[in-house]
Protein backbone atom coordinates (compact mmCIF):
# COMPACT_ATOMS: atom_id res chain seq x y z
CA MET A 1 14.01 4.57 9.08
CA PRO A 2 17.74 3.83 8.60
CA LEU A 3 19.13 1.92 5.66
CA GLN A 4 19.92 -1.73 6.19
CA SER A 5 22.48 -3.95 4.57
CA MET A 6 21.27 -7.48 3.88
CA THR A 7 24.37 -9.00 5.48
CA GLY A 8 24.22 -9.80 9.18
CA PHE A 9 24.75 -12.30 11.97
CA ALA A 10 23.25 -12.76 15.43
CA ARG A 11 23.33 -15.34 18.21
CA ARG A 12 21.32 -15.51 21.41
CA GLU A 13 21.27 -18.31 23.97
CA GLY A 14 19.65 -18.95 27.31
CA THR A 15 17.83 -21.40 29.53
CA SER A 16 14.22 -22.21 30.29
CA GLY A 17 13.71 -24.61 33.16
CA ARG A 18 15.65 -27.76 32.33
CA TYR A 19 16.16 -26.64 28.71
CA ARG A 20 19.12 -24.81 27.21
CA TRP A 21 18.53 -23.13 23.87
CA ALA A 22 20.45 -21.11 21.27
CA TRP A 23 19.31 -19.12 18.23
CA GLU A 24 21.78 -18.44 15.42
CA LEU A 25 20.82 -16.17 12.50
CA ARG A 26 22.77 -15.47 9.30
CA SER A 27 21.68 -13.19 6.48
CA VAL A 28 23.03 -12.50 2.98
CA ASN A 29 21.73 -10.78 -0.16
CA GLY A 30 18.43 -11.90 -1.66
CA LYS A 31 15.73 -10.64 -3.98
CA GLY A 32 13.08 -11.15 -1.32
CA LEU A 33 12.85 -12.44 2.23
CA ASP A 34 13.81 -16.11 2.04
CA LEU A 35 13.88 -17.91 5.40
CA ARG A 36 15.58 -21.27 5.74
CA LEU A 37 14.73 -22.80 9.10
CA ARG A 38 16.30 -25.60 11.11
CA LEU A 39 14.14 -26.34 14.12
CA PRO A 40 14.60 -29.36 16.41
CA ALA A 41 11.83 -31.91 16.91
CA GLY A 42 9.11 -30.63 19.18
CA THR A 43 9.49 -26.97 18.16
CA GLU A 44 8.14 -27.08 14.60
CA HIS A 45 4.94 -25.39 15.76
CA LEU A 46 6.95 -22.17 16.28
CA GLU A 47 7.56 -21.76 12.55
CA THR A 48 4.49 -19.59 11.86
CA GLU A 49 5.33 -17.12 14.63
CA LEU A 50 8.99 -17.15 13.63
CA ARG A 51 8.20 -16.19 10.04
CA LYS A 52 5.85 -13.46 11.25
CA LEU A 53 8.48 -11.92 13.54
CA ALA A 54 11.15 -12.03 10.83
CA ALA A 55 8.82 -10.35 8.30
CA GLU A 56 8.12 -7.57 10.80
CA SER A 57 11.84 -6.76 10.99
CA PHE A 58 13.08 -7.43 7.46
CA SER A 59 11.79 -7.27 3.92
CA ARG A 60 14.72 -8.77 2.00
CA GLY A 61 17.59 -11.19 2.49
CA ASN A 62 18.37 -14.90 2.39
CA MET A 63 18.28 -15.77 6.08
CA GLN A 64 19.26 -18.99 7.81
CA VAL A 65 17.65 -19.49 11.22
CA ASN A 66 18.97 -22.32 13.38
CA LEU A 67 17.60 -23.31 16.78
CA THR A 68 19.22 -25.85 19.10
CA VAL A 69 17.54 -27.10 22.27
CA SER A 70 19.05 -29.49 24.81
CA THR A 71 18.08 -30.68 28.28
CA SER A 72 20.22 -30.87 31.39
CA GLU A 73 21.21 -34.27 32.76
CA ALA A 74 19.46 -33.36 35.99
CA GLY A 75 16.23 -33.63 34.08
CA VAL A 76 16.67 -37.34 33.40
CA GLU A 77 14.48 -39.63 35.49
CA THR A 78 14.71 -43.35 36.15
CA ILE A 79 11.86 -45.75 35.48
CA VAL A 80 11.91 -49.09 37.34
CA ASN A 81 9.97 -51.92 35.77
CA GLN A 82 8.49 -53.27 38.99
CA ALA A 83 7.05 -56.39 37.33
CA ALA A 84 10.39 -57.31 35.77
CA LEU A 85 12.22 -56.64 39.04
CA ALA A 86 9.76 -58.82 40.95
CA ALA A 87 10.24 -61.58 38.40
CA VAL A 88 14.04 -61.43 38.81
CA LEU A 89 13.81 -61.48 42.60
CA SER A 90 11.35 -64.38 42.47
CA LEU A 91 13.68 -66.33 40.19
CA ARG A 92 16.59 -65.66 42.55
CA GLU A 93 14.51 -66.99 45.46
CA GLN A 94 13.69 -70.12 43.51
CA LEU A 95 17.37 -70.69 42.75
CA ARG A 96 18.71 -69.76 46.20
CA ASP A 97 20.10 -73.26 46.75
CA VAL A 98 22.16 -73.25 43.53
CA ILE A 99 23.41 -69.66 43.21
CA ASP A 100 25.45 -67.27 45.28
CA PRO A 101 23.24 -66.11 48.16
CA ALA A 102 24.93 -62.68 48.26
CA PRO A 103 22.56 -59.72 47.85
CA LEU A 104 22.03 -58.50 44.31
CA ARG A 105 24.32 -55.58 43.37
CA LEU A 106 22.97 -52.45 41.67
CA ASP A 107 25.28 -52.84 38.70
CA THR A 108 23.94 -56.37 38.25
CA LEU A 109 20.37 -55.10 38.17
CA LEU A 110 21.31 -52.33 35.72
CA SER A 111 22.89 -54.89 33.42
CA ILE A 112 19.61 -56.81 33.16
CA ARG A 113 17.71 -55.41 30.20
CA GLY A 114 14.27 -54.04 30.98
CA ILE A 115 14.72 -53.62 34.74
CA VAL A 116 15.70 -49.93 34.77
CA ASP A 117 15.15 -47.36 32.04
CA PHE A 118 16.45 -43.77 31.89
CA ARG A 119 14.42 -41.15 30.07
CA GLU A 120 13.55 -37.49 30.09
CA PRO A 121 10.48 -36.70 32.13
CA GLU A 122 7.32 -36.15 30.12
CA GLU A 123 6.84 -32.53 29.20
CA GLN A 124 3.93 -30.87 30.92
CA GLU A 125 1.76 -28.35 29.10
CA GLY A 126 2.76 -25.49 31.38
CA GLU A 127 6.44 -26.33 31.02
CA ARG A 128 6.13 -26.41 27.24
CA ALA A 129 4.31 -23.05 27.16
CA ALA A 130 7.01 -21.45 29.34
CA ARG A 131 9.76 -22.88 27.11
CA ASP A 132 8.07 -21.62 23.94
CA ALA A 133 7.65 -18.15 25.45
CA ASP A 134 11.35 -18.04 26.36
CA LEU A 135 12.34 -19.27 22.90
CA LEU A 136 10.30 -16.56 21.17
CA SER A 137 11.66 -13.93 23.54
CA GLY A 138 15.18 -15.04 22.63
CA LEU A 139 14.29 -14.95 18.94
CA ARG A 140 13.08 -11.35 19.24
CA LEU A 141 16.39 -10.38 20.81
CA ALA A 142 18.33 -12.18 18.07
CA LEU A 143 16.29 -10.45 15.36
CA ALA A 144 16.95 -7.09 17.05
CA ASP A 145 20.68 -7.85 17.13
CA MET A 146 20.57 -8.78 13.46
CA ALA A 147 18.72 -5.55 12.60
CA SER A 148 21.28 -3.51 14.56
CA MET A 149 24.17 -5.09 12.68
CA ARG A 150 22.46 -4.62 9.32
CA GLU A 151 21.74 -0.98 10.16
CA THR A 152 25.37 -0.36 11.13
CA GLU A 153 26.51 -1.73 7.79
CA GLY A 154 23.76 0.26 6.09
CA VAL A 155 25.17 3.52 7.49
CA ALA A 156 28.59 2.76 6.02
CA LEU A 157 27.06 1.63 2.73
CA ARG A 158 24.98 4.80 2.51
CA GLN A 159 28.12 6.94 2.56
CA VAL A 160 29.77 4.80 -0.12
CA LEU A 161 26.71 5.20 -2.36
CA LEU A 162 26.51 8.96 -1.76
CA ASP A 163 30.17 9.29 -2.76
CA GLN A 164 29.49 7.36 -5.95
CA ILE A 165 26.49 9.55 -6.74
CA ASP A 166 28.75 12.59 -6.30
CA LYS A 167 31.13 11.08 -8.88
CA ILE A 168 28.23 10.42 -11.27
CA GLU A 169 27.09 14.01 -10.90
CA ALA A 170 30.64 15.33 -11.41
CA LEU A 171 31.16 13.25 -14.57
CA THR A 172 27.76 14.34 -15.88
CA GLY A 173 28.82 17.95 -15.33
CA ALA A 174 32.13 17.31 -17.12
CA ILE A 175 30.31 15.86 -20.12
CA GLU A 176 27.88 18.77 -20.16
CA ALA A 177 30.71 21.32 -20.03
CA ASP A 178 32.94 19.56 -22.55
CA PRO A 179 34.10 22.07 -25.22
CA SER A 180 33.09 19.67 -27.98
CA ARG A 181 29.45 20.41 -27.09
CA SER A 182 29.66 24.17 -27.55
CA VAL A 183 27.63 25.69 -30.40
CA ALA A 184 30.74 27.19 -31.99
CA VAL A 185 32.64 23.89 -32.07
CA ILE A 186 29.64 21.94 -33.36
CA THR A 187 28.99 24.54 -36.07
CA ALA A 188 32.63 24.55 -37.16
CA ARG A 189 32.79 20.75 -37.27
CA LEU A 190 29.60 20.44 -39.33
CA ALA A 191 30.67 23.24 -41.64
CA SER A 192 33.99 21.52 -42.23
CA GLN A 193 32.28 18.22 -43.00
CA VAL A 194 29.82 19.87 -45.39
CA ALA A 195 32.66 21.70 -47.12
CA LEU A 196 34.51 18.44 -47.69
CA VAL A 197 31.44 16.94 -49.32
CA MET A 198 30.80 19.99 -51.50
CA ASP A 199 34.45 20.41 -52.53
CA GLY A 200 34.45 16.86 -53.75
CA GLY A 201 32.21 17.90 -56.60
CA SER A 202 29.11 16.29 -55.18
CA THR A 203 25.86 17.12 -56.92
CA VAL A 204 23.84 16.67 -53.74
CA ASP A 205 21.28 19.43 -53.30
CA GLN A 206 22.77 21.89 -50.81
CA ASP A 207 19.50 22.53 -48.97
CA ARG A 208 18.88 18.81 -48.58
CA LEU A 209 22.46 18.31 -47.42
CA TYR A 210 22.14 20.94 -44.72
CA GLY A 211 18.82 19.41 -43.68
CA GLU A 212 20.45 16.00 -43.27
CA VAL A 213 23.32 17.55 -41.33
CA ALA A 214 20.88 19.29 -39.02
CA LEU A 215 19.03 16.00 -38.47
CA LEU A 216 22.26 14.18 -37.63
CA ALA A 217 23.23 16.96 -35.25
CA ALA A 218 19.89 16.64 -33.46
CA LYS A 219 20.30 12.87 -33.14
CA ALA A 220 23.80 13.32 -31.73
CA ASP A 221 22.70 15.82 -29.10
CA ILE A 222 22.96 14.43 -25.54
CA ARG A 223 21.07 17.18 -23.75
CA GLU A 224 18.18 14.85 -22.82
CA GLU A 225 20.52 12.18 -21.46
CA ILE A 226 22.34 14.73 -19.32
CA ASP A 227 19.06 16.08 -17.95
CA ARG A 228 17.84 12.58 -17.10
CA LEU A 229 21.12 11.74 -15.38
CA ARG A 230 20.76 14.83 -13.20
CA THR A 231 17.16 13.85 -12.38
CA HIS A 232 18.26 10.34 -11.41
CA VAL A 233 21.02 11.78 -9.21
CA VAL A 234 18.45 13.83 -7.27
CA ALA A 235 16.12 10.81 -6.94
CA ALA A 236 18.94 8.53 -5.70
CA ARG A 237 20.02 11.05 -3.07
CA ASP A 238 16.43 11.46 -1.89
CA LEU A 239 16.06 7.69 -1.47
CA LEU A 240 19.30 7.41 0.49
CA HIS A 241 18.28 10.23 2.81
CA LYS A 242 14.79 8.79 3.19
CA GLY A 243 16.14 5.38 4.24
CA GLY A 244 14.17 2.20 4.76
CA PRO A 245 13.98 -0.70 2.29
CA VAL A 246 14.94 1.28 -0.85
CA GLY A 247 17.27 -1.28 -2.43
CA ARG A 248 14.89 -2.23 -5.24
CA LYS A 249 14.26 1.42 -6.21
CA LEU A 250 17.97 2.20 -6.21
CA ASP A 251 18.61 -0.87 -8.34
CA PHE A 252 16.08 0.44 -10.86
CA LEU A 253 17.81 3.84 -10.85
CA SER A 254 21.18 2.19 -11.42
CA GLN A 255 19.73 0.57 -14.54
CA GLU A 256 18.50 3.97 -15.71
CA PHE A 257 21.93 5.49 -15.01
CA ASN A 258 23.47 2.76 -17.14
CA ARG A 259 20.98 3.30 -19.96
CA GLU A 260 21.78 7.03 -20.20
CA SER A 261 25.55 6.47 -20.07
CA ASN A 262 25.31 3.89 -22.87
CA THR A 263 23.36 6.36 -25.00
CA ILE A 264 25.90 9.11 -24.36
CA CYS A 265 28.76 6.85 -25.43
CA SER A 266 26.92 5.76 -28.58
CA LYS A 267 26.06 9.35 -29.56
CA SER A 268 29.43 10.83 -28.72
CA ASN A 269 31.55 12.20 -31.56
CA ALA A 270 34.32 13.53 -29.30
CA ALA A 271 37.04 11.46 -27.65
CA SER A 272 36.80 13.47 -24.42
CA VAL A 273 33.07 12.83 -24.06
CA THR A 274 33.53 9.14 -24.85
CA ALA A 275 36.25 8.86 -22.20
CA ALA A 276 34.06 10.57 -19.59
CA GLY A 277 31.15 8.34 -20.62
CA ILE A 278 33.23 5.19 -20.12
CA GLU A 279 34.39 6.40 -16.70
CA LEU A 280 30.76 7.16 -15.90
CA LYS A 281 29.80 3.58 -16.78
CA VAL A 282 32.50 2.24 -14.44
CA VAL A 283 31.19 4.30 -11.51
CA ILE A 284 27.60 3.29 -12.28
CA ASP A 285 28.59 -0.40 -12.28
CA GLN A 286 30.24 0.09 -8.88
CA PHE A 287 27.12 1.86 -7.65
CA ARG A 288 24.87 -0.96 -8.80
CA GLU A 289 27.15 -3.56 -7.19
CA GLN A 290 26.87 -1.83 -3.82
CA VAL A 291 23.11 -1.36 -4.19
CA GLN A 292 22.75 -5.15 -4.37
CA ASN A 293 23.72 -5.24 -0.69
CA LEU A 294 20.87 -2.94 0.40
CA GLU A 295 17.56 -4.17 1.76
């Protein structure tokens, strides 16, 4: 299953009998699948099916779903109030000797309130069922368009993340290979520090001093952090190649990346390792930023 970005847009429109409809979908980042619906009166009963269809296609994203439905003017019918019309005609007959005997004009009748009413014809059950079927069919197409757009962005995002993982791996390798971590350099540095203490006339027990130095050296070792970084790199690559809704897992890994880089910087006693660790943190922050866009 391909990766999906959580950013997308889709619009589908069509007709169903005397109705014209349009679906418009917008999606941005979100912790879960949050649907915000705007459905016109008379279509609220579609909400349950709408949410079901959206959940089948997406697992995360703040999504706005707007539906507009209008009817054609040809669908408007006229209703003549026969009783009111008869009353008007009867009154005209009664007043024929005092009013203009010319035939009543249509515009005159239309100006008399209650004679003629214009309204949409009552919706029949079959017509409503056909409209709902067309609306849901259009929604499926809009959701498919949205998924296609999110997948296209996911492909591009996948490459960006893979490039950043390559940088994390390269910086991890640079830290691991830094000369300051070689046994000879570490031994020389510790020996120099011990010599300074002993030359100062300190009465500290030499065996205890060397024991403390060894303990400090063990605490400063970053072998475990390097190994964990390499493990996280492998796991992140596997998730990106696997695809699907892996955003949450990659976000967790980005936190683990950050934890190890922080530890490396705090343990570092060499400027070169500290500099590489800071650069590593920058790349990890960029990685985590991009991961926030993934489903």
